[in-house]
Each structure stands twice: as structure tokens, then as C-alpha cells.
Amino acid sequence: MIKLVLSVLGLLTIWFAVVFIKDFMKNKNNLEKHNTWGKVTAIGFITNFFDTLGIGSFAPTTALLRAFKQTKDRVIPGTLNVSCTIPVVLEAFIFMTVIQVDPVSLIAMLAAATIGAWVGAGIVSKLPERKVQIAMGVALFITAFLMLAGEMKWMPGGGETLSQAFDGVKNNLIYKTMEVKQTVDGKEVTKMLGVPIGVNGLKLIVAVIANFILGALMTAGIGLYAPCMALVYFLGMSPRVAFPIMMGSCAFLMPVASVKFVKEGAYDRRASMGITIGGVIGVIIAAYLVRSLPLKILKWLVIVVIFYTSTTMLRVASKNKEMPSKPADE
């Protein structure tokens, strides 16, 4: 099943890559003069490295492009989508291949996010952006605090491995026996334990509905990464499972949107190609880190990412004054 998903994603990406490269080669003698290969490639490496860790790439890429005057504001939306498509698809391929996740849970949540982005776009786009940002910011902050409380043993945590090997279903969680690194008496040991890699029953229904909503919220500019991490935590799955789910959810949406930007010429060609090249290198290095990190450290990484996203979202909301609606042609 996962091979089929990757095949479809691969075909979409090849289609995008052909359109992108043909347009780039057609205009290679008329590239933008206001940016340099070195700067845009470095930006791509940095932002996609942290994107692979779950931070997200659009906001930091925008900030760096503006700070170093590497593109025009008018083409930033198209540049972001075009430049990050191949790195994000690579993230999805890597994580879906190297991180074990229940196929039914993965495919159901990917489909829900994709459908949510398409079906829910018209509904979500009419919601007041500032109120959505505040609601999501507060919800993520509470989630991060609860995760912190679980790690500090103030309350039961989520995504916990079992104390013994187990393959099967328990409390609507699907477990798979896997190698787990633990610290015992100051020494790192590897044990074969049951790890929650998926959900079924009521939890699967909740996962599908929630990811549908998160997919719709993406169209309102609310990033999917941190909320998806929070969702995985509350459902009780391993935090590592969040990576193939959130990367895959975004990867299916980007090629189609990016082809439209390329065909309309609404993007910066040099910046997009440079960020793509640097981004691919950054993704490969960061993906190795995520795969090799002990589960304990990965949980702390997820907590930091969610706290960061929460405070960023609330800060943006505090500056985002609701504007009166304008005519559609303005």
C-alpha cells in the first residue's frame, strides 16, 4: 500500500520536475539579476534542514529571502512553493521508507489532509485569520505543556513504548516490536519493545477528522507540522510516526500548486532552483539525524518545535489586525 502511495507521489513529482526544468532551461539566459547562486542555495540548505526537523520552511525562507534581498515580494508565494516542492517530497519519501508506520493509518491521514485542503479551502479562507491563529497558538501551547508534563512525570505521557515486545492492537493503538534505545544506569541499551505505530477504531476516526481539518487550515496559512505532531501525541502514537504523516500530507499538495506557479511565471527562477539544490542536501543530512535520534531526545525535539510554533503563531496574531473585507478585484 505504501509503495502505491509513493508511486503516485513520484509521478506527481516527475510531472512537476519536468515542467519546472523546462521552464528554467527556456529562461536560463534571462535569470534574475538581484540574487546570487551562493546565497539562495545556502538559504535552501538551512531552511529545509530545519523543515525536516519539523520547524517548517516557508516562514524562515521568506525571512531570509527578504533579509538578504534575494527576491521580489510579489513572487514570494510562488517561489516558496516551487523551491520547496522537491525537498518536501524527498522528506516524505525518506520518512515513509525508513520509519515504520501502520499503512492504513498513514494512507487514511494523508488522504484526509489532501481532501481537507481541496474541499475545505473555500470554507477556511472565509474564517477570520487572526482568530484562527490565536486558537491554534493556544491549543499548541497547551499541547506542548502537556507533553512537557508527561516527560517530567507530572502526568502520564503519550506515545509510550510498552515494557515488553508486542505485535498487535491494544487500546485502539497498533503496536510493532522494534529496537528501542533506552538509558539504564547511565548506559545506553537496546531493547525489543512494542512501539505504537498506528491507530484503529475510534482513534482512527478521530485521526482522519482531525487531519482533514489540519489540511483545510493549511489553506489559511496555518502550518500542518506542529499540529500534526500534537495530534500524533494525543492519539498515543510514537512521535517518530508524525514525520512520515506530516511530510506526506504536505508533499501531495505541493506539486500541483507549484506547476500552476511555474506555468504562470509567478516565481523567481534562480532562487527556486538554488533553494531546491541546497534544500535537497539539507533534507538528506537532517533526515539521518531524525532517524538516528533516541526516542527520548526526539520527544524533546517535538516539544521544542510545538512551543516554538505556538509562540510564533501568537506573536503573528498579535500583529495581525483584522482588516475590513475588500472587493475581490482589489
Protein backbone atom coordinates (compact mmCIF):
# COMPACT_ATOMS: atom_id res chain seq x y z
CA MET A 1 0.00 0.00 0.00
CA ILE A 2 2.77 2.43 0.90
CA LYS A 3 4.56 1.56 -2.36
CA LEU A 4 1.42 2.60 -4.25
CA VAL A 5 1.30 5.91 -2.35
CA LEU A 6 4.97 6.57 -3.12
CA SER A 7 4.41 5.68 -6.79
CA VAL A 8 1.60 8.22 -7.13
CA LEU A 9 3.66 10.85 -5.32
CA GLY A 10 6.64 10.04 -7.54
CA LEU A 11 4.59 10.53 -10.72
CA LEU A 12 3.26 13.88 -9.49
CA THR A 13 6.79 14.99 -8.65
CA ILE A 14 8.23 13.90 -12.01
CA TRP A 15 5.46 15.88 -13.74
CA PHE A 16 6.34 18.95 -11.67
CA ALA A 17 10.10 18.50 -12.20
CA VAL A 18 9.69 18.27 -16.00
CA VAL A 19 7.60 21.46 -16.09
CA PHE A 20 9.99 23.27 -13.72
CA ILE A 21 13.22 22.26 -15.52
CA LYS A 22 11.78 23.00 -18.99
CA ASP A 23 10.78 26.49 -17.86
CA PHE A 24 14.16 27.07 -16.18
CA MET A 25 16.14 25.97 -19.26
CA LYS A 26 13.94 28.08 -21.52
CA ASN A 27 14.76 31.15 -19.43
CA LYS A 28 18.34 30.29 -18.33
CA ASN A 29 19.78 33.30 -20.16
CA ASN A 30 17.28 35.68 -18.57
CA LEU A 31 17.56 34.77 -14.88
CA GLU A 32 17.03 37.33 -12.14
CA LYS A 33 19.93 39.76 -11.53
CA HIS A 34 19.16 40.69 -7.91
CA ASN A 35 20.21 37.37 -6.32
CA THR A 36 23.20 35.01 -6.30
CA TRP A 37 23.51 31.23 -6.51
CA GLY A 38 25.55 31.04 -3.31
CA LYS A 39 23.04 32.92 -1.15
CA VAL A 40 19.88 31.19 -2.37
CA THR A 41 21.49 27.74 -2.16
CA ALA A 42 22.62 28.44 1.42
CA ILE A 43 19.11 29.63 2.30
CA GLY A 44 17.67 26.41 0.86
CA PHE A 45 20.07 24.26 2.85
CA ILE A 46 19.37 25.99 6.17
CA THR A 47 15.58 26.24 5.91
CA ASN A 48 14.98 22.73 4.57
CA PHE A 49 17.35 21.24 7.15
CA PHE A 50 15.11 22.65 9.89
CA ASP A 51 11.98 21.83 7.89
CA THR A 52 12.99 18.17 8.11
CA LEU A 53 13.15 18.53 11.90
CA GLY A 54 9.54 19.80 11.86
CA ILE A 55 10.14 23.56 12.15
CA GLY A 56 8.65 24.37 8.76
CA SER A 57 10.36 26.15 5.86
CA PHE A 58 8.03 28.81 4.47
CA ALA A 59 8.40 31.39 7.25
CA PRO A 60 12.21 31.17 7.64
CA THR A 61 12.70 31.09 3.86
CA THR A 62 10.58 34.22 3.48
CA ALA A 63 12.52 35.95 6.26
CA LEU A 64 15.93 35.08 4.78
CA LEU A 65 14.95 35.97 1.20
CA ARG A 66 13.81 39.38 2.40
CA ALA A 67 16.73 39.93 4.77
CA PHE A 68 19.28 39.28 2.00
CA LYS A 69 17.15 40.91 -0.73
CA GLN A 70 17.15 37.76 -2.85
CA THR A 71 13.72 38.09 -4.47
CA LYS A 72 10.78 40.41 -5.03
CA ASP A 73 7.85 40.24 -2.58
CA ARG A 74 5.44 39.81 -5.48
CA VAL A 75 6.81 36.36 -6.38
CA ILE A 76 7.49 35.04 -2.86
CA PRO A 77 4.38 32.77 -2.69
CA GLY A 78 5.27 31.07 -5.97
CA THR A 79 8.97 30.89 -5.11
CA LEU A 80 8.22 29.22 -1.76
CA ASN A 81 6.01 26.55 -3.32
CA VAL A 82 8.23 25.82 -6.32
CA SER A 83 11.52 25.81 -4.39
CA CYS A 84 10.30 23.60 -1.54
CA THR A 85 8.36 21.00 -3.55
CA ILE A 86 11.21 18.59 -4.32
CA PRO A 87 12.82 18.86 -0.84
CA VAL A 88 9.45 18.19 0.86
CA VAL A 89 8.71 15.25 -1.44
CA LEU A 90 12.18 13.89 -0.65
CA GLU A 91 11.38 14.21 3.07
CA ALA A 92 8.17 12.26 2.54
CA PHE A 93 9.96 9.52 0.57
CA ILE A 94 12.71 9.16 3.17
CA PHE A 95 10.43 9.10 6.22
CA MET A 96 7.80 6.84 4.66
CA THR A 97 10.57 4.42 3.72
CA VAL A 98 12.74 4.36 6.86
CA ILE A 99 10.16 4.97 9.62
CA GLN A 100 7.68 2.17 10.26
CA VAL A 101 4.09 3.36 10.40
CA ASP A 102 0.83 1.44 10.05
CA PRO A 103 -0.11 1.65 6.33
CA VAL A 104 -3.84 2.11 6.95
CA SER A 105 -3.25 4.92 9.46
CA LEU A 106 -0.77 6.63 7.13
CA ILE A 107 -2.87 6.45 3.97
CA ALA A 108 -6.09 7.45 5.76
CA MET A 109 -4.45 10.52 7.31
CA LEU A 110 -2.71 11.52 4.05
CA ALA A 111 -5.99 11.26 2.16
CA ALA A 112 -7.81 13.24 4.86
CA ALA A 113 -5.31 16.12 4.73
CA THR A 114 -5.34 16.22 0.93
CA ILE A 115 -9.14 16.21 0.72
CA GLY A 116 -9.30 18.76 3.53
CA ALA A 117 -7.01 21.12 1.63
CA TRP A 118 -9.12 20.92 -1.51
CA VAL A 119 -12.64 20.70 -0.08
CA GLY A 120 -12.08 22.91 2.94
CA ALA A 121 -10.22 25.71 1.19
CA GLY A 122 -13.34 27.72 0.40
CA ILE A 123 -14.66 27.40 3.95
CA VAL A 124 -11.46 28.09 5.85
CA SER A 125 -10.49 31.04 3.65
CA LYS A 126 -13.59 32.85 4.95
CA LEU A 127 -12.65 32.41 8.62
CA PRO A 128 -11.05 35.39 10.42
CA GLU A 129 -7.33 34.69 10.14
CA ARG A 130 -6.40 36.29 13.46
CA LYS A 131 -8.91 34.22 15.45
CA VAL A 132 -7.71 31.00 13.79
CA GLN A 133 -4.09 31.91 14.62
CA ILE A 134 -4.95 32.63 18.27
CA ALA A 135 -6.98 29.42 18.65
CA MET A 136 -4.24 27.28 17.10
CA GLY A 137 -1.49 29.07 19.04
CA VAL A 138 -3.22 28.49 22.38
CA ALA A 139 -4.07 24.87 21.51
CA LEU A 140 -0.46 24.14 20.55
CA PHE A 141 0.87 25.83 23.69
CA ILE A 142 -1.40 23.68 25.87
CA THR A 143 -0.33 20.57 23.93
CA ALA A 144 3.37 21.38 24.37
CA PHE A 145 2.82 21.94 28.09
CA LEU A 146 1.02 18.60 28.45
CA MET A 147 3.85 16.87 26.58
CA LEU A 148 6.38 18.59 28.84
CA ALA A 149 4.38 17.48 31.89
CA GLY A 150 4.45 13.90 30.60
CA GLU A 151 8.22 13.96 30.08
CA MET A 152 8.74 15.45 33.55
CA LYS A 153 6.49 12.71 35.01
CA TRP A 154 3.99 15.26 36.33
CA MET A 155 1.28 13.30 34.48
CA PRO A 156 1.04 10.26 32.16
CA GLY A 157 2.64 10.89 28.76
CA GLY A 158 1.63 9.85 25.24
CA GLY A 159 3.35 7.72 22.62
CA GLU A 160 4.95 5.46 25.22
CA THR A 161 6.51 2.14 24.24
CA LEU A 162 5.43 -0.98 26.08
CA SER A 163 7.72 -2.63 28.61
CA GLN A 164 7.88 -5.81 26.52
CA ALA A 165 7.77 -7.00 22.91
CA PHE A 166 4.25 -6.89 21.44
CA ASP A 167 2.74 -7.05 17.96
CA GLY A 168 -0.97 -6.33 17.85
CA VAL A 169 -3.68 -3.91 18.97
CA LYS A 170 -4.17 -2.55 22.46
CA ASN A 171 -6.45 0.39 23.42
CA ASN A 172 -7.01 1.19 19.71
CA LEU A 173 -3.24 1.51 19.21
CA ILE A 174 -1.36 -0.70 16.74
CA TYR A 175 1.96 -1.91 18.17
CA LYS A 176 5.01 -3.28 16.38
CA THR A 177 8.03 -4.84 18.10
CA MET A 178 11.06 -2.69 17.28
CA GLU A 179 14.53 -1.85 18.57
CA VAL A 180 14.31 0.93 21.17
CA LYS A 181 17.32 2.67 22.69
CA GLN A 182 17.00 3.34 26.43
CA THR A 183 19.32 4.63 29.12
CA VAL A 184 19.70 2.24 32.05
CA ASP A 185 22.05 3.12 34.94
CA GLY A 186 23.76 5.71 32.77
CA LYS A 187 24.35 3.29 29.90
CA GLU A 188 22.56 3.17 26.56
CA VAL A 189 20.98 -0.22 25.88
CA THR A 190 18.85 -1.52 23.01
CA LYS A 191 15.68 -3.46 23.77
CA MET A 192 12.98 -5.08 21.63
CA LEU A 193 9.75 -3.39 22.73
CA GLY A 194 6.25 -2.77 21.41
CA VAL A 195 6.09 0.67 19.75
CA PRO A 196 2.72 2.35 18.87
CA ILE A 197 2.96 2.95 15.11
CA GLY A 198 -0.72 3.40 14.20
CA VAL A 199 -4.32 3.64 15.34
CA ASN A 200 -7.58 1.87 14.61
CA GLY A 201 -11.21 2.03 15.67
CA LEU A 202 -12.36 5.30 17.24
CA LYS A 203 -8.84 6.73 17.32
CA LEU A 204 -8.50 6.24 13.55
CA ILE A 205 -11.78 8.10 13.02
CA VAL A 206 -10.51 10.96 15.22
CA ALA A 207 -7.20 10.97 13.31
CA VAL A 208 -8.94 11.23 9.93
CA ILE A 209 -11.30 14.02 11.02
CA ALA A 210 -8.51 15.98 12.72
CA ASN A 211 -6.12 15.68 9.76
CA PHE A 212 -8.92 16.74 7.41
CA ILE A 213 -9.27 19.92 9.48
CA LEU A 214 -5.49 20.45 9.55
CA GLY A 215 -5.38 20.05 5.76
CA ALA A 216 -8.07 22.70 5.42
CA LEU A 217 -6.25 25.03 7.82
CA MET A 218 -3.14 24.79 5.62
CA THR A 219 -5.01 26.85 3.04
CA ALA A 220 -5.39 29.60 5.65
CA GLY A 221 -1.65 29.71 6.23
CA ILE A 222 -1.65 27.55 9.36
CA GLY A 223 1.27 25.12 9.10
CA LEU A 224 0.49 21.41 9.42
CA TYR A 225 3.72 20.19 11.03
CA ALA A 226 3.32 21.17 14.69
CA PRO A 227 -0.46 20.45 14.87
CA CYS A 228 0.20 17.03 13.31
CA MET A 229 2.88 16.32 15.91
CA ALA A 230 0.39 17.28 18.62
CA LEU A 231 -2.31 15.06 17.08
CA VAL A 232 0.02 12.06 16.96
CA TYR A 233 0.94 12.64 20.62
CA PHE A 234 -2.67 12.84 21.81
CA LEU A 235 -3.64 9.72 19.89
CA GLY A 236 -0.85 7.88 21.69
CA MET A 237 1.40 7.07 18.73
CA SER A 238 5.19 7.29 18.76
CA PRO A 239 6.40 10.85 17.98
CA ARG A 240 8.55 9.41 15.19
CA VAL A 241 5.35 8.44 13.33
CA ALA A 242 4.47 12.12 12.94
CA PHE A 243 7.26 12.68 10.41
CA PRO A 244 6.02 10.49 7.51
CA ILE A 245 2.44 11.63 8.16
CA MET A 246 3.11 15.38 8.18
CA MET A 247 5.68 15.32 5.36
CA GLY A 248 3.44 13.11 3.22
CA SER A 249 0.41 15.33 3.83
CA CYS A 250 2.28 18.38 2.52
CA ALA A 251 4.08 16.54 -0.28
CA PHE A 252 0.85 15.53 -2.04
CA LEU A 253 -0.41 19.12 -2.13
CA MET A 254 2.69 20.92 -3.38
CA PRO A 255 3.45 19.56 -6.90
CA VAL A 256 0.04 20.51 -8.31
CA ALA A 257 0.08 24.01 -6.79
CA SER A 258 3.68 24.58 -7.89
CA VAL A 259 3.04 23.62 -11.53
CA LYS A 260 0.47 26.41 -11.66
CA PHE A 261 3.01 28.97 -10.39
CA VAL A 262 5.60 27.78 -12.95
CA LYS A 263 3.19 27.96 -15.88
CA GLU A 264 2.19 31.49 -14.86
CA GLY A 265 5.83 32.52 -14.42
CA ALA A 266 4.92 33.80 -10.95
CA TYR A 267 8.14 32.72 -9.24
CA ASP A 268 11.84 33.57 -9.01
CA ARG A 269 13.67 31.01 -11.19
CA ARG A 270 17.20 31.39 -9.83
CA ALA A 271 16.03 31.45 -6.19
CA SER A 272 13.77 28.44 -6.71
CA MET A 273 16.46 26.32 -8.35
CA GLY A 274 19.11 27.32 -5.79
CA ILE A 275 16.82 26.65 -2.82
CA THR A 276 15.85 23.29 -4.33
CA ILE A 277 19.50 22.21 -4.69
CA GLY A 278 20.51 23.39 -1.21
CA GLY A 279 17.28 22.03 0.24
CA VAL A 280 17.85 18.50 -1.04
CA ILE A 281 21.27 18.41 0.66
CA GLY A 282 19.82 19.79 3.91
CA VAL A 283 16.99 17.24 3.91
CA ILE A 284 19.33 14.26 3.48
CA ILE A 285 21.53 15.34 6.41
CA ALA A 286 18.62 16.22 8.73
CA ALA A 287 16.66 13.04 7.91
CA TYR A 288 19.62 10.96 9.06
CA LEU A 289 19.58 12.86 12.38
CA VAL A 290 15.85 12.28 12.92
CA ARG A 291 16.20 8.59 12.12
CA SER A 292 19.14 8.09 14.47
CA LEU A 293 17.93 10.20 17.40
CA PRO A 294 16.93 8.24 20.52
CA LEU A 295 13.18 8.39 21.15
CA LYS A 296 13.68 10.41 24.34
CA ILE A 297 15.58 13.16 22.53
CA LEU A 298 13.08 13.10 19.67
CA LYS A 299 10.24 13.75 22.13
CA TRP A 300 12.09 16.81 23.46
CA LEU A 301 12.63 17.99 19.87
CA VAL A 302 8.89 17.72 19.22
CA ILE A 303 8.12 19.69 22.41
CA VAL A 304 10.51 22.47 21.38
CA VAL A 305 9.04 22.61 17.85
CA ILE A 306 5.47 22.87 19.16
CA PHE A 307 6.38 25.55 21.73
CA TYR A 308 8.23 27.49 19.02
CA THR A 309 5.32 27.25 16.57
CA SER A 310 2.82 28.26 19.26
CA THR A 311 4.70 31.39 20.32
CA THR A 312 5.37 32.35 16.69
CA MET A 313 1.70 31.97 15.80
CA LEU A 314 0.55 34.01 18.79
CA ARG A 315 3.10 36.72 18.02
CA VAL A 316 1.91 36.96 14.42
CA ALA A 317 -1.71 37.06 15.60
CA SER A 318 -0.91 39.95 17.97
CA LYS A 319 0.37 41.96 15.00
CA ASN A 320 -2.35 40.83 12.62
CA LYS A 321 -5.16 43.37 12.89
CA GLU A 322 -8.40 42.27 11.30
CA MET A 323 -8.89 44.21 8.07
CA PRO A 324 -12.29 45.11 6.62
CA SER A 325 -13.21 43.00 3.64
CA LYS A 326 -12.19 44.41 0.26
CA PRO A 327 -13.74 43.99 -3.16
CA ALA A 328 -12.50 40.90 -4.95
CA ASP A 329 -10.69 42.89 -7.65
CA GLU A 330 -8.50 44.83 -5.20
